[in-house]
Every structure is written in structure tokens, then in C-alpha cells.
Amino acid sequence: MAFQQYPSRSAKRNYFVMPNKIHSCNIDPTAYAVYAYMRYNRKENPNLENIPALLGISKTAFQKALDELTDKFLLLEFDGQYHLRWLCEDFGNCYLMPNEIFNLDLPVGAIAVYGFLLCCEDRDTYQCYPSYQTIGGAVGMSRSTVKKYVDCLVDKRLIYTEPTRVWGHDGKKRNGTLLYTIRPIYEAIQHHANQQMEQMRLQQCKQPT
């Protein structure tokens, strides 16, 4: 696929900031998704009750994620309230995550993989090429699980993938890692809306006349 220039991103318009170092904190995908949502919805006293339903996780998994984030010093718990412990500037380098990522019915594993790809991407070309092993090490997944969520991101129109070829020390050409291109978020939003409209149409067709 030939590279095409996409509109630049701005944290002031439909994006929120995530610290690169979150991927070296050894948190699981659920904890990553919870942390990302709390960075997106940065309020003084955020309502946490709705987060499990929004992320498609159980209340038990949600509480486990809060405990993990607190243990990792990413959240501060005080009188039953949880708050972001550090500003993004305290972490150093950051990347931008689109607000709409939480409106696309993505599993938390796909959100975690997408976040790592955003962290790795070249800011000019929106491309990167981490291996499944590298992604899995950053988000706490096996190679097969990473592949499942990469396929999910492709289906959701969030990324493109392309095979690459490399030359070994013996001079032979071999398969390389996938080349990932982060697609504009509006393409995923439009695709999701089209799917919802199609589902509504099919439901209406099934109703007796």
C-alpha cells in the first residue's frame, strides 16, 4: 500500500495524551484500558461505576485493574476515590490516543495493542513494525493472542498491515515483521457507524410486517 499523508493529530482536538512509559510498567491489558479511560475522562472525582460496562469487563476485573494500577503507583486511592497519580509530563515522551477509541466496541486487549502501536509509530508516517513477540512483551499477551487483536484492529479499520521481507546473514530473503500503518480514526468511526446501521436494517427486516 502506498503511503498517504493523513491529517495531523492534536491533543486539543479529539485526542488525549498517554505516556510512553506505561508500556514498561508490566500491567495487563485490562489495567491499561482502565488507565487509558481515566486519562481520557480526567475529572476531579470521576464516576467509576460506568467504566466496567463501557470497557466490557466485569466489576471484579475492574477492581483488580484498579488494585494493579495502584500497586504500580499509576493511581492514588484516597477515601475510596481513585485519581491519576502522575501527569503525563512526569513520564517524559507521550503519544496521542483518539477519544473515540472507547466508542468502537473494542475488547480491552485490542485497545492495549492499538495503544502500543501508537507508541511505536513514526510520527511522520504513522507506521511501525514491531514483531508479535515485542508487542506481546509490552502488553502481556502470547503471540497468538496478539495476532487475534491485530486482526481485530484491521477489521475495525484502525490499522493496515503489510508483510515485509528481510535478507539474512546468508543472503537469503525471509519473511519479516508486519508493517503497521495507523489509519485516520474517522475511517474507523465511519465503518463502525455503517455496521450499526446495517445491523439495524437487518433487525427491521426480521420483524413481522
N, C-alpha and C. Protein backbone atom coordinates (compact mmCIF):
# COMPACT_ATOMS: atom_id res chain seq x y z
N MET A 1 0.84 -1.19 0.00
CA MET A 1 0.00 0.00 0.00
C MET A 1 0.87 1.24 0.00
N ALA A 2 0.66 2.15 -0.92
CA ALA A 2 1.42 3.38 -0.97
C ALA A 2 1.03 4.27 0.22
N PHE A 3 2.04 4.88 0.83
CA PHE A 3 1.77 5.74 1.98
C PHE A 3 1.03 6.99 1.55
N GLN A 4 0.02 7.38 2.33
CA GLN A 4 -0.68 8.62 2.07
C GLN A 4 -0.62 9.48 3.33
N GLN A 5 -0.49 10.78 3.15
CA GLN A 5 -0.38 11.68 4.28
C GLN A 5 -1.75 11.88 4.93
N TYR A 6 -1.83 11.61 6.23
CA TYR A 6 -3.07 11.78 6.96
C TYR A 6 -3.04 13.10 7.72
N PRO A 7 -4.22 13.62 8.08
CA PRO A 7 -4.24 14.87 8.85
C PRO A 7 -3.47 14.72 10.16
N SER A 8 -2.79 15.78 10.58
CA SER A 8 -2.03 15.73 11.83
C SER A 8 -2.98 15.67 13.02
N ARG A 9 -2.46 15.16 14.13
CA ARG A 9 -3.27 14.99 15.33
C ARG A 9 -2.99 16.12 16.30
N SER A 10 -3.97 16.42 17.11
CA SER A 10 -3.81 17.44 18.14
C SER A 10 -4.48 16.97 19.41
N ALA A 11 -3.77 17.08 20.54
CA ALA A 11 -4.34 16.66 21.83
C ALA A 11 -5.52 17.55 22.23
N LYS A 12 -5.63 18.71 21.62
CA LYS A 12 -6.73 19.61 21.94
C LYS A 12 -7.99 19.29 21.14
N ARG A 13 -7.84 18.42 20.15
CA ARG A 13 -8.98 18.10 19.29
C ARG A 13 -9.12 16.59 19.17
N ASN A 14 -9.99 16.03 20.00
CA ASN A 14 -10.39 14.63 19.88
C ASN A 14 -9.31 13.61 20.23
N TYR A 15 -8.28 14.02 20.94
CA TYR A 15 -7.24 13.09 21.38
C TYR A 15 -6.88 13.38 22.83
N PHE A 16 -6.38 12.36 23.52
CA PHE A 16 -5.83 12.58 24.85
C PHE A 16 -4.42 11.99 24.90
N VAL A 17 -3.66 12.39 25.89
CA VAL A 17 -2.24 12.07 25.95
C VAL A 17 -2.01 10.84 26.82
N MET A 18 -1.16 9.92 26.31
CA MET A 18 -0.75 8.73 27.06
C MET A 18 0.78 8.71 27.15
N PRO A 19 1.33 8.34 28.31
CA PRO A 19 2.80 8.30 28.46
C PRO A 19 3.39 7.03 27.84
N ASN A 20 4.49 7.18 27.14
CA ASN A 20 5.16 6.01 26.55
C ASN A 20 5.52 4.97 27.62
N LYS A 21 5.91 5.45 28.79
CA LYS A 21 6.42 4.54 29.82
C LYS A 21 5.35 3.61 30.39
N ILE A 22 4.09 3.85 30.04
CA ILE A 22 3.04 2.96 30.53
C ILE A 22 3.30 1.53 30.05
N HIS A 23 3.98 1.40 28.91
CA HIS A 23 4.22 0.07 28.34
C HIS A 23 5.43 -0.64 28.95
N SER A 24 6.09 0.02 29.86
CA SER A 24 7.18 -0.63 30.60
C SER A 24 6.79 -0.87 32.06
N CYS A 25 5.52 -0.68 32.38
CA CYS A 25 5.05 -0.86 33.76
C CYS A 25 4.55 -2.27 34.04
N ASN A 26 4.55 -3.13 33.03
CA ASN A 26 4.14 -4.53 33.20
C ASN A 26 2.72 -4.66 33.76
N ILE A 27 1.79 -3.90 33.18
CA ILE A 27 0.38 -4.04 33.56
C ILE A 27 -0.35 -4.84 32.48
N ASP A 28 -1.43 -5.50 32.87
CA ASP A 28 -2.13 -6.33 31.90
C ASP A 28 -3.06 -5.46 31.05
N PRO A 29 -3.62 -6.02 29.96
CA PRO A 29 -4.43 -5.22 29.04
C PRO A 29 -5.63 -4.55 29.69
N THR A 30 -6.26 -5.22 30.65
CA THR A 30 -7.41 -4.61 31.31
C THR A 30 -7.00 -3.37 32.09
N ALA A 31 -5.90 -3.48 32.83
CA ALA A 31 -5.41 -2.33 33.58
C ALA A 31 -5.02 -1.19 32.64
N TYR A 32 -4.42 -1.53 31.48
CA TYR A 32 -4.07 -0.49 30.50
C TYR A 32 -5.32 0.24 30.03
N ALA A 33 -6.37 -0.51 29.67
CA ALA A 33 -7.59 0.10 29.16
C ALA A 33 -8.25 0.97 30.22
N VAL A 34 -8.25 0.52 31.47
CA VAL A 34 -8.82 1.33 32.56
C VAL A 34 -8.03 2.62 32.74
N TYR A 35 -6.71 2.49 32.73
CA TYR A 35 -5.86 3.67 32.87
C TYR A 35 -6.09 4.64 31.71
N ALA A 36 -6.17 4.12 30.50
CA ALA A 36 -6.40 4.97 29.34
C ALA A 36 -7.73 5.70 29.46
N TYR A 37 -8.76 4.98 29.92
CA TYR A 37 -10.07 5.65 30.05
C TYR A 37 -10.02 6.75 31.09
N MET A 38 -9.29 6.53 32.17
CA MET A 38 -9.20 7.55 33.21
C MET A 38 -8.39 8.75 32.73
N ARG A 39 -7.44 8.55 31.85
CA ARG A 39 -6.73 9.69 31.25
C ARG A 39 -7.64 10.43 30.28
N TYR A 40 -8.47 9.70 29.58
CA TYR A 40 -9.43 10.32 28.67
C TYR A 40 -10.46 11.14 29.44
N ASN A 41 -10.98 10.58 30.53
CA ASN A 41 -12.03 11.22 31.31
C ASN A 41 -11.44 11.81 32.58
N ARG A 42 -10.58 12.77 32.42
CA ARG A 42 -9.84 13.33 33.55
C ARG A 42 -10.70 14.35 34.30
N LYS A 43 -11.37 13.87 35.32
CA LYS A 43 -12.19 14.71 36.17
C LYS A 43 -11.65 14.63 37.59
N GLU A 44 -12.00 15.62 38.39
CA GLU A 44 -11.52 15.66 39.76
C GLU A 44 -12.04 14.46 40.55
N ASN A 45 -13.32 14.14 40.36
CA ASN A 45 -13.91 12.98 41.02
C ASN A 45 -14.65 12.16 39.97
N PRO A 46 -13.94 11.39 39.18
CA PRO A 46 -14.58 10.65 38.09
C PRO A 46 -15.54 9.59 38.60
N ASN A 47 -16.63 9.39 37.87
CA ASN A 47 -17.58 8.33 38.20
C ASN A 47 -17.06 7.02 37.63
N LEU A 48 -16.62 6.13 38.51
CA LEU A 48 -16.01 4.89 38.07
C LEU A 48 -17.01 3.78 37.83
N GLU A 49 -18.25 3.95 38.27
CA GLU A 49 -19.23 2.87 38.21
C GLU A 49 -19.54 2.46 36.78
N ASN A 50 -19.44 3.39 35.84
CA ASN A 50 -19.81 3.08 34.46
C ASN A 50 -18.67 2.48 33.64
N ILE A 51 -17.46 2.51 34.17
CA ILE A 51 -16.31 2.07 33.38
C ILE A 51 -16.38 0.59 33.00
N PRO A 52 -16.74 -0.34 33.92
CA PRO A 52 -16.79 -1.75 33.51
C PRO A 52 -17.69 -1.99 32.31
N ALA A 53 -18.88 -1.39 32.30
CA ALA A 53 -19.80 -1.57 31.17
C ALA A 53 -19.23 -0.95 29.90
N LEU A 54 -18.61 0.21 30.02
CA LEU A 54 -18.05 0.88 28.85
C LEU A 54 -16.91 0.07 28.23
N LEU A 55 -16.13 -0.62 29.06
CA LEU A 55 -15.00 -1.40 28.57
C LEU A 55 -15.35 -2.87 28.34
N GLY A 56 -16.56 -3.28 28.71
CA GLY A 56 -16.96 -4.67 28.51
C GLY A 56 -16.25 -5.63 29.43
N ILE A 57 -16.02 -5.22 30.68
CA ILE A 57 -15.34 -6.07 31.65
C ILE A 57 -16.21 -6.23 32.89
N SER A 58 -15.93 -7.24 33.69
CA SER A 58 -16.70 -7.46 34.91
C SER A 58 -16.24 -6.48 35.99
N LYS A 59 -17.07 -6.31 37.01
CA LYS A 59 -16.70 -5.44 38.13
C LYS A 59 -15.49 -6.01 38.88
N THR A 60 -15.41 -7.34 38.92
CA THR A 60 -14.26 -7.97 39.58
C THR A 60 -12.97 -7.66 38.83
N ALA A 61 -13.01 -7.77 37.50
CA ALA A 61 -11.83 -7.46 36.69
C ALA A 61 -11.47 -5.99 36.80
N PHE A 62 -12.48 -5.14 36.90
CA PHE A 62 -12.25 -3.70 37.04
C PHE A 62 -11.55 -3.39 38.36
N GLN A 63 -12.02 -3.99 39.44
CA GLN A 63 -11.40 -3.75 40.74
C GLN A 63 -9.97 -4.28 40.76
N LYS A 64 -9.76 -5.42 40.11
CA LYS A 64 -8.41 -5.97 40.03
C LYS A 64 -7.49 -5.01 39.28
N ALA A 65 -8.01 -4.39 38.22
CA ALA A 65 -7.22 -3.42 37.45
C ALA A 65 -6.89 -2.20 38.30
N LEU A 66 -7.87 -1.71 39.06
CA LEU A 66 -7.62 -0.56 39.94
C LEU A 66 -6.53 -0.90 40.97
N ASP A 67 -6.60 -2.10 41.54
CA ASP A 67 -5.60 -2.51 42.51
C ASP A 67 -4.21 -2.60 41.87
N GLU A 68 -4.16 -3.12 40.65
CA GLU A 68 -2.88 -3.23 39.96
C GLU A 68 -2.29 -1.86 39.65
N LEU A 69 -3.14 -0.94 39.19
CA LEU A 69 -2.68 0.41 38.88
C LEU A 69 -2.22 1.14 40.13
N THR A 70 -2.90 0.89 41.24
CA THR A 70 -2.49 1.50 42.50
C THR A 70 -1.15 0.93 42.97
N ASP A 71 -1.00 -0.39 42.85
CA ASP A 71 0.27 -1.03 43.25
C ASP A 71 1.44 -0.55 42.41
N LYS A 72 1.16 -0.19 41.14
CA LYS A 72 2.21 0.27 40.24
C LYS A 72 2.43 1.79 40.35
N PHE A 73 1.74 2.43 41.32
CA PHE A 73 1.86 3.86 41.55
C PHE A 73 1.37 4.71 40.37
N LEU A 74 0.43 4.14 39.60
CA LEU A 74 -0.17 4.89 38.50
C LEU A 74 -1.45 5.59 38.93
N LEU A 75 -2.09 5.06 39.97
CA LEU A 75 -3.27 5.67 40.57
C LEU A 75 -3.03 5.88 42.06
N LEU A 76 -3.73 6.87 42.59
CA LEU A 76 -3.69 7.14 44.02
C LEU A 76 -5.10 6.94 44.57
N GLU A 77 -5.23 6.08 45.57
CA GLU A 77 -6.54 5.81 46.19
C GLU A 77 -6.63 6.57 47.51
N PHE A 78 -7.72 7.34 47.66
CA PHE A 78 -7.93 8.12 48.88
C PHE A 78 -9.42 8.19 49.18
N ASP A 79 -9.81 7.66 50.33
CA ASP A 79 -11.21 7.66 50.75
C ASP A 79 -12.12 7.04 49.70
N GLY A 80 -11.66 5.94 49.10
CA GLY A 80 -12.48 5.25 48.13
C GLY A 80 -12.49 5.87 46.75
N GLN A 81 -11.75 6.97 46.55
CA GLN A 81 -11.67 7.63 45.25
C GLN A 81 -10.29 7.35 44.64
N TYR A 82 -10.28 7.15 43.31
CA TYR A 82 -9.03 6.89 42.60
C TYR A 82 -8.71 8.07 41.69
N HIS A 83 -7.46 8.47 41.70
CA HIS A 83 -7.02 9.61 40.92
C HIS A 83 -5.71 9.28 40.21
N LEU A 84 -5.50 9.90 39.06
CA LEU A 84 -4.23 9.73 38.35
C LEU A 84 -3.11 10.27 39.22
N ARG A 85 -2.09 9.46 39.42
CA ARG A 85 -1.03 9.85 40.34
C ARG A 85 -0.05 10.83 39.70
N TRP A 86 0.22 10.63 38.41
CA TRP A 86 1.23 11.46 37.75
C TRP A 86 0.62 12.15 36.53
N LEU A 87 1.12 13.33 36.25
CA LEU A 87 0.81 13.98 34.99
C LEU A 87 1.66 13.35 33.90
N CYS A 88 1.20 13.49 32.66
CA CYS A 88 1.94 12.87 31.56
C CYS A 88 3.37 13.44 31.47
N GLU A 89 3.52 14.72 31.84
CA GLU A 89 4.83 15.34 31.74
C GLU A 89 5.86 14.66 32.66
N ASP A 90 5.37 14.03 33.70
CA ASP A 90 6.28 13.35 34.62
C ASP A 90 6.90 12.11 34.00
N PHE A 91 6.29 11.59 32.95
CA PHE A 91 6.78 10.38 32.31
C PHE A 91 7.77 10.67 31.19
N GLY A 92 7.77 11.90 30.68
CA GLY A 92 8.62 12.20 29.54
C GLY A 92 7.84 12.11 28.24
N ASN A 93 8.30 11.27 27.31
CA ASN A 93 7.67 11.18 26.00
C ASN A 93 6.27 10.59 26.08
N CYS A 94 5.40 11.09 25.20
CA CYS A 94 3.99 10.67 25.21
C CYS A 94 3.51 10.43 23.78
N TYR A 95 2.33 9.84 23.67
CA TYR A 95 1.67 9.68 22.37
C TYR A 95 0.19 10.03 22.52
N LEU A 96 -0.47 10.21 21.40
CA LEU A 96 -1.87 10.63 21.40
C LEU A 96 -2.79 9.45 21.09
N MET A 97 -3.82 9.32 21.90
CA MET A 97 -4.84 8.28 21.72
C MET A 97 -6.16 8.97 21.37
N PRO A 98 -6.87 8.49 20.36
CA PRO A 98 -8.14 9.15 19.98
C PRO A 98 -9.24 8.89 21.00
N ASN A 99 -10.01 9.92 21.31
CA ASN A 99 -11.12 9.78 22.25
C ASN A 99 -12.10 8.70 21.82
N GLU A 100 -12.32 8.58 20.52
CA GLU A 100 -13.35 7.68 20.02
C GLU A 100 -12.98 6.20 20.15
N ILE A 101 -11.79 5.90 20.63
CA ILE A 101 -11.39 4.51 20.77
C ILE A 101 -12.33 3.75 21.70
N PHE A 102 -12.99 4.46 22.60
CA PHE A 102 -13.89 3.82 23.56
C PHE A 102 -15.31 3.67 23.03
N ASN A 103 -15.56 4.12 21.81
CA ASN A 103 -16.90 4.05 21.22
C ASN A 103 -16.97 3.07 20.05
N LEU A 104 -15.97 2.20 19.92
CA LEU A 104 -15.90 1.29 18.78
C LEU A 104 -16.12 -0.17 19.15
N ASP A 105 -16.60 -0.42 20.38
CA ASP A 105 -16.86 -1.79 20.85
C ASP A 105 -15.62 -2.67 20.76
N LEU A 106 -14.49 -2.13 21.16
CA LEU A 106 -13.24 -2.89 21.13
C LEU A 106 -13.04 -3.63 22.44
N PRO A 107 -12.55 -4.86 22.41
CA PRO A 107 -12.13 -5.53 23.64
C PRO A 107 -10.90 -4.84 24.21
N VAL A 108 -10.70 -5.00 25.51
CA VAL A 108 -9.58 -4.30 26.16
C VAL A 108 -8.23 -4.74 25.57
N GLY A 109 -8.13 -5.98 25.14
CA GLY A 109 -6.89 -6.45 24.53
C GLY A 109 -6.55 -5.70 23.26
N ALA A 110 -7.56 -5.42 22.45
CA ALA A 110 -7.34 -4.66 21.21
C ALA A 110 -6.94 -3.23 21.52
N ILE A 111 -7.53 -2.64 22.57
CA ILE A 111 -7.16 -1.28 22.96
C ILE A 111 -5.70 -1.23 23.38
N ALA A 112 -5.25 -2.25 24.13
CA ALA A 112 -3.86 -2.29 24.58
C ALA A 112 -2.89 -2.43 23.41
N VAL A 113 -3.21 -3.30 22.46
CA VAL A 113 -2.34 -3.48 21.29
C VAL A 113 -2.31 -2.21 20.46
N TYR A 114 -3.46 -1.59 20.26
CA TYR A 114 -3.54 -0.35 19.49
C TYR A 114 -2.70 0.74 20.16
N GLY A 115 -2.79 0.83 21.48
CA GLY A 115 -2.00 1.82 22.19
C GLY A 115 -0.50 1.62 22.00
N PHE A 116 -0.05 0.37 22.03
CA PHE A 116 1.38 0.12 21.84
C PHE A 116 1.81 0.47 20.42
N LEU A 117 0.98 0.19 19.44
CA LEU A 117 1.32 0.57 18.07
C LEU A 117 1.42 2.08 17.93
N LEU A 118 0.52 2.81 18.60
CA LEU A 118 0.60 4.27 18.59
C LEU A 118 1.89 4.75 19.24
N CYS A 119 2.29 4.06 20.29
CA CYS A 119 3.53 4.41 20.98
C CYS A 119 4.74 4.21 20.07
N CYS A 120 4.71 3.16 19.27
CA CYS A 120 5.85 2.79 18.41
C CYS A 120 5.89 3.56 17.09
N GLU A 121 4.77 4.08 16.64
CA GLU A 121 4.70 4.61 15.28
C GLU A 121 5.63 5.78 15.04
N ASP A 122 6.05 5.91 13.81
CA ASP A 122 6.76 7.09 13.35
C ASP A 122 5.74 8.23 13.27
N ARG A 123 6.03 9.35 13.90
CA ARG A 123 5.04 10.44 13.97
C ARG A 123 4.81 11.13 12.64
N ASP A 124 5.69 10.89 11.66
CA ASP A 124 5.51 11.50 10.34
C ASP A 124 4.78 10.57 9.38
N THR A 125 5.07 9.26 9.46
CA THR A 125 4.47 8.32 8.51
C THR A 125 3.33 7.51 9.12
N TYR A 126 3.18 7.55 10.46
CA TYR A 126 2.16 6.76 11.18
C TYR A 126 2.37 5.26 10.97
N GLN A 127 3.61 4.86 10.79
CA GLN A 127 3.93 3.46 10.56
C GLN A 127 4.92 2.93 11.59
N CYS A 128 4.87 1.62 11.82
CA CYS A 128 5.83 0.96 12.70
C CYS A 128 5.87 -0.52 12.35
N TYR A 129 6.83 -1.26 12.89
CA TYR A 129 6.94 -2.67 12.53
C TYR A 129 7.43 -3.53 13.69
N PRO A 130 6.83 -3.41 14.88
CA PRO A 130 7.21 -4.31 15.98
C PRO A 130 6.74 -5.74 15.69
N SER A 131 7.49 -6.70 16.17
CA SER A 131 7.10 -8.10 15.98
C SER A 131 5.99 -8.46 16.95
N TYR A 132 5.32 -9.59 16.69
CA TYR A 132 4.31 -10.08 17.62
C TYR A 132 4.93 -10.29 19.01
N GLN A 133 6.16 -10.78 19.03
CA GLN A 133 6.83 -11.02 20.31
C GLN A 133 7.05 -9.72 21.07
N THR A 134 7.46 -8.67 20.37
CA THR A 134 7.67 -7.37 21.01
C THR A 134 6.36 -6.81 21.55
N ILE A 135 5.31 -6.89 20.74
CA ILE A 135 4.00 -6.40 21.18
C ILE A 135 3.53 -7.18 22.40
N GLY A 136 3.65 -8.51 22.31
CA GLY A 136 3.21 -9.36 23.40
C GLY A 136 3.95 -9.07 24.69
N GLY A 137 5.25 -8.81 24.59
CA GLY A 137 6.02 -8.49 25.78
C GLY A 137 5.60 -7.19 26.42
N ALA A 138 5.14 -6.23 25.60
CA ALA A 138 4.74 -4.91 26.11
C ALA A 138 3.35 -4.92 26.73
N VAL A 139 2.46 -5.78 26.21
CA VAL A 139 1.07 -5.75 26.67
C VAL A 139 0.67 -7.02 27.42
N GLY A 140 1.62 -7.92 27.62
CA GLY A 140 1.33 -9.12 28.41
C GLY A 140 0.45 -10.13 27.72
N MET A 141 0.78 -10.46 26.45
CA MET A 141 -0.01 -11.41 25.67
C MET A 141 0.90 -12.41 24.97
N SER A 142 0.32 -13.56 24.65
CA SER A 142 1.03 -14.53 23.82
C SER A 142 1.01 -14.07 22.37
N ARG A 143 1.85 -14.70 21.55
CA ARG A 143 1.91 -14.35 20.14
C ARG A 143 0.56 -14.55 19.45
N SER A 144 -0.11 -15.66 19.75
CA SER A 144 -1.40 -15.95 19.11
C SER A 144 -2.46 -14.94 19.52
N THR A 145 -2.41 -14.49 20.78
CA THR A 145 -3.38 -13.51 21.25
C THR A 145 -3.14 -12.15 20.60
N VAL A 146 -1.86 -11.79 20.46
CA VAL A 146 -1.53 -10.55 19.76
C VAL A 146 -2.08 -10.59 18.34
N LYS A 147 -1.87 -11.70 17.65
CA LYS A 147 -2.36 -11.82 16.27
C LYS A 147 -3.88 -11.65 16.21
N LYS A 148 -4.58 -12.24 17.19
CA LYS A 148 -6.04 -12.11 17.22
C LYS A 148 -6.47 -10.65 17.31
N TYR A 149 -5.80 -9.89 18.16
CA TYR A 149 -6.19 -8.49 18.33
C TYR A 149 -5.70 -7.61 17.20
N VAL A 150 -4.59 -7.97 16.57
CA VAL A 150 -4.17 -7.26 15.36
C VAL A 150 -5.23 -7.43 14.27
N ASP A 151 -5.71 -8.66 14.10
CA ASP A 151 -6.77 -8.92 13.11
C ASP A 151 -8.02 -8.12 13.45
N CYS A 152 -8.32 -8.00 14.74
CA CYS A 152 -9.48 -7.21 15.17
C CYS A 152 -9.31 -5.75 14.78
N LEU A 153 -8.12 -5.20 14.98
CA LEU A 153 -7.87 -3.79 14.63
C LEU A 153 -7.95 -3.57 13.12
N VAL A 154 -7.52 -4.57 12.35
CA VAL A 154 -7.65 -4.48 10.89
C VAL A 154 -9.13 -4.48 10.51
N ASP A 155 -9.90 -5.38 11.10
CA ASP A 155 -11.33 -5.47 10.80
C ASP A 155 -12.07 -4.19 11.18
N LYS A 156 -11.61 -3.54 12.23
CA LYS A 156 -12.25 -2.30 12.70
C LYS A 156 -11.79 -1.07 11.93
N ARG A 157 -10.92 -1.27 10.94
CA ARG A 157 -10.40 -0.19 10.09
C ARG A 157 -9.52 0.79 10.88
N LEU A 158 -8.87 0.30 11.93
CA LEU A 158 -7.97 1.15 12.70
C LEU A 158 -6.54 1.10 12.19
N ILE A 159 -6.17 0.00 11.56
CA ILE A 159 -4.81 -0.14 11.04
C ILE A 159 -4.83 -0.88 9.70
N TYR A 160 -3.76 -0.69 8.94
CA TYR A 160 -3.42 -1.54 7.80
C TYR A 160 -2.23 -2.40 8.22
N THR A 161 -2.12 -3.57 7.66
CA THR A 161 -0.90 -4.36 7.84
C THR A 161 -0.38 -4.80 6.47
N GLU A 162 0.94 -4.84 6.36
CA GLU A 162 1.59 -5.30 5.13
C GLU A 162 2.75 -6.21 5.49
N PRO A 163 2.94 -7.29 4.75
CA PRO A 163 4.11 -8.15 5.00
C PRO A 163 5.38 -7.46 4.56
N THR A 164 6.48 -7.81 5.19
CA THR A 164 7.79 -7.29 4.78
C THR A 164 8.73 -8.46 4.55
N ARG A 165 9.82 -8.19 3.84
CA ARG A 165 10.83 -9.21 3.56
C ARG A 165 12.19 -8.68 4.01
N VAL A 166 12.99 -9.56 4.58
CA VAL A 166 14.32 -9.16 5.03
C VAL A 166 15.35 -10.16 4.49
N TRP A 167 16.60 -9.71 4.43
CA TRP A 167 17.69 -10.57 3.99
C TRP A 167 18.49 -11.03 5.21
N GLY A 168 18.73 -12.33 5.33
CA GLY A 168 19.51 -12.88 6.42
C GLY A 168 21.00 -12.76 6.16
N HIS A 169 21.79 -13.16 7.15
CA HIS A 169 23.25 -13.09 7.00
C HIS A 169 23.75 -14.02 5.89
N ASP A 170 22.95 -15.03 5.56
CA ASP A 170 23.34 -15.95 4.49
C ASP A 170 22.94 -15.44 3.11
N GLY A 171 22.36 -14.22 3.08
CA GLY A 171 21.97 -13.63 1.81
C GLY A 171 20.61 -14.07 1.30
N LYS A 172 19.91 -14.90 2.08
CA LYS A 172 18.60 -15.38 1.65
C LYS A 172 17.49 -14.44 2.15
N LYS A 173 16.45 -14.33 1.34
CA LYS A 173 15.33 -13.46 1.68
C LYS A 173 14.31 -14.22 2.52
N ARG A 174 13.87 -13.60 3.61
CA ARG A 174 12.91 -14.24 4.51
C ARG A 174 11.78 -13.27 4.84
N ASN A 175 10.71 -13.85 5.38
CA ASN A 175 9.59 -13.02 5.84
C ASN A 175 10.02 -12.19 7.04
N GLY A 176 9.67 -10.91 7.04
CA GLY A 176 9.96 -10.04 8.17
C GLY A 176 8.72 -9.83 9.02
N THR A 177 8.76 -8.83 9.87
CA THR A 177 7.60 -8.50 10.68
C THR A 177 6.57 -7.77 9.81
N LEU A 178 5.37 -7.65 10.32
CA LEU A 178 4.36 -6.87 9.63
C LEU A 178 4.69 -5.38 9.73
N LEU A 179 4.34 -4.65 8.68
CA LEU A 179 4.42 -3.19 8.72
C LEU A 179 3.03 -2.68 9.03
N TYR A 180 2.90 -1.93 10.12
CA TYR A 180 1.60 -1.41 10.56
C TYR A 180 1.47 0.06 10.18
N THR A 181 0.33 0.42 9.63
CA THR A 181 0.01 1.82 9.36
C THR A 181 -1.25 2.18 10.14
N ILE A 182 -1.15 3.20 10.98
CA ILE A 182 -2.30 3.65 11.76
C ILE A 182 -3.21 4.47 10.85
N ARG A 183 -4.43 4.02 10.69
CA ARG A 183 -5.37 4.72 9.82
C ARG A 183 -6.00 5.89 10.56
N PRO A 184 -6.52 6.89 9.83
CA PRO A 184 -7.21 8.00 10.48
C PRO A 184 -8.41 7.48 11.27
N ILE A 185 -8.63 8.00 12.44
CA ILE A 185 -9.68 7.49 13.30
C ILE A 185 -11.06 7.66 12.67
N TYR A 186 -11.23 8.67 11.82
CA TYR A 186 -12.55 8.88 11.24
C TYR A 186 -12.95 7.72 10.32
N GLU A 187 -11.98 7.00 9.77
CA GLU A 187 -12.31 5.83 8.95
C GLU A 187 -12.93 4.73 9.80
N ALA A 188 -12.38 4.53 10.99
CA ALA A 188 -12.92 3.52 11.91
C ALA A 188 -14.30 3.94 12.42
N ILE A 189 -14.47 5.23 12.69
CA ILE A 189 -15.76 5.73 13.18
C ILE A 189 -16.83 5.51 12.11
N GLN A 190 -16.52 5.84 10.86
CA GLN A 190 -17.48 5.67 9.78
C GLN A 190 -17.81 4.20 9.56
N HIS A 191 -16.80 3.35 9.62
CA HIS A 191 -17.03 1.91 9.44
C HIS A 191 -17.92 1.37 10.55
N HIS A 192 -17.67 1.80 11.77
CA HIS A 192 -18.48 1.35 12.91
C HIS A 192 -19.92 1.81 12.76
N ALA A 193 -20.12 3.05 12.33
CA ALA A 193 -21.47 3.57 12.13
C ALA A 193 -22.18 2.79 11.03
N ASN A 194 -21.48 2.47 9.96
CA ASN A 194 -22.08 1.70 8.87
C ASN A 194 -22.50 0.31 9.34
N GLN A 195 -21.66 -0.31 10.17
CA GLN A 195 -22.01 -1.62 10.70
C GLN A 195 -23.25 -1.56 11.57
N GLN A 196 -23.34 -0.54 12.40
CA GLN A 196 -24.51 -0.39 13.27
C GLN A 196 -25.78 -0.17 12.45
N MET A 197 -25.68 0.63 11.40
CA MET A 197 -26.84 0.87 10.53
C MET A 197 -27.26 -0.41 9.83
N GLU A 198 -26.28 -1.21 9.41
CA GLU A 198 -26.59 -2.47 8.74
C GLU A 198 -27.27 -3.44 9.71
N GLN A 199 -26.82 -3.47 10.95
CA GLN A 199 -27.44 -4.33 11.95
C GLN A 199 -28.88 -3.90 12.21
N MET A 200 -29.12 -2.61 12.26
CA MET A 200 -30.49 -2.10 12.45
C MET A 200 -31.37 -2.48 11.28
N ARG A 201 -30.82 -2.38 10.07
CA ARG A 201 -31.59 -2.73 8.88
C ARG A 201 -31.98 -4.20 8.89
N LEU A 202 -31.02 -5.06 9.27
CA LEU A 202 -31.29 -6.49 9.31
C LEU A 202 -32.33 -6.82 10.37
N GLN A 203 -32.27 -6.15 11.49
CA GLN A 203 -33.27 -6.38 12.54
C GLN A 203 -34.65 -5.97 12.10
N GLN A 204 -34.73 -4.85 11.38
CA GLN A 204 -36.03 -4.40 10.88
C GLN A 204 -36.59 -5.37 9.84
N CYS A 205 -35.71 -5.98 9.05
CA CYS A 205 -36.16 -6.94 8.04
C CYS A 205 -36.71 -8.20 8.69
N LYS A 206 -36.21 -8.54 9.89
CA LYS A 206 -36.67 -9.73 10.57
C LYS A 206 -38.00 -9.53 11.28
N GLN A 207 -38.39 -8.29 11.50
CA GLN A 207 -39.64 -8.02 12.19
C GLN A 207 -40.82 -8.35 11.29
N PRO A 208 -41.86 -8.96 11.85
CA PRO A 208 -43.05 -9.29 11.04
C PRO A 208 -43.76 -8.03 10.57
N THR A 209 -44.26 -8.09 9.37
CA THR A 209 -44.95 -6.93 8.81
C THR A 209 -46.44 -7.00 9.14
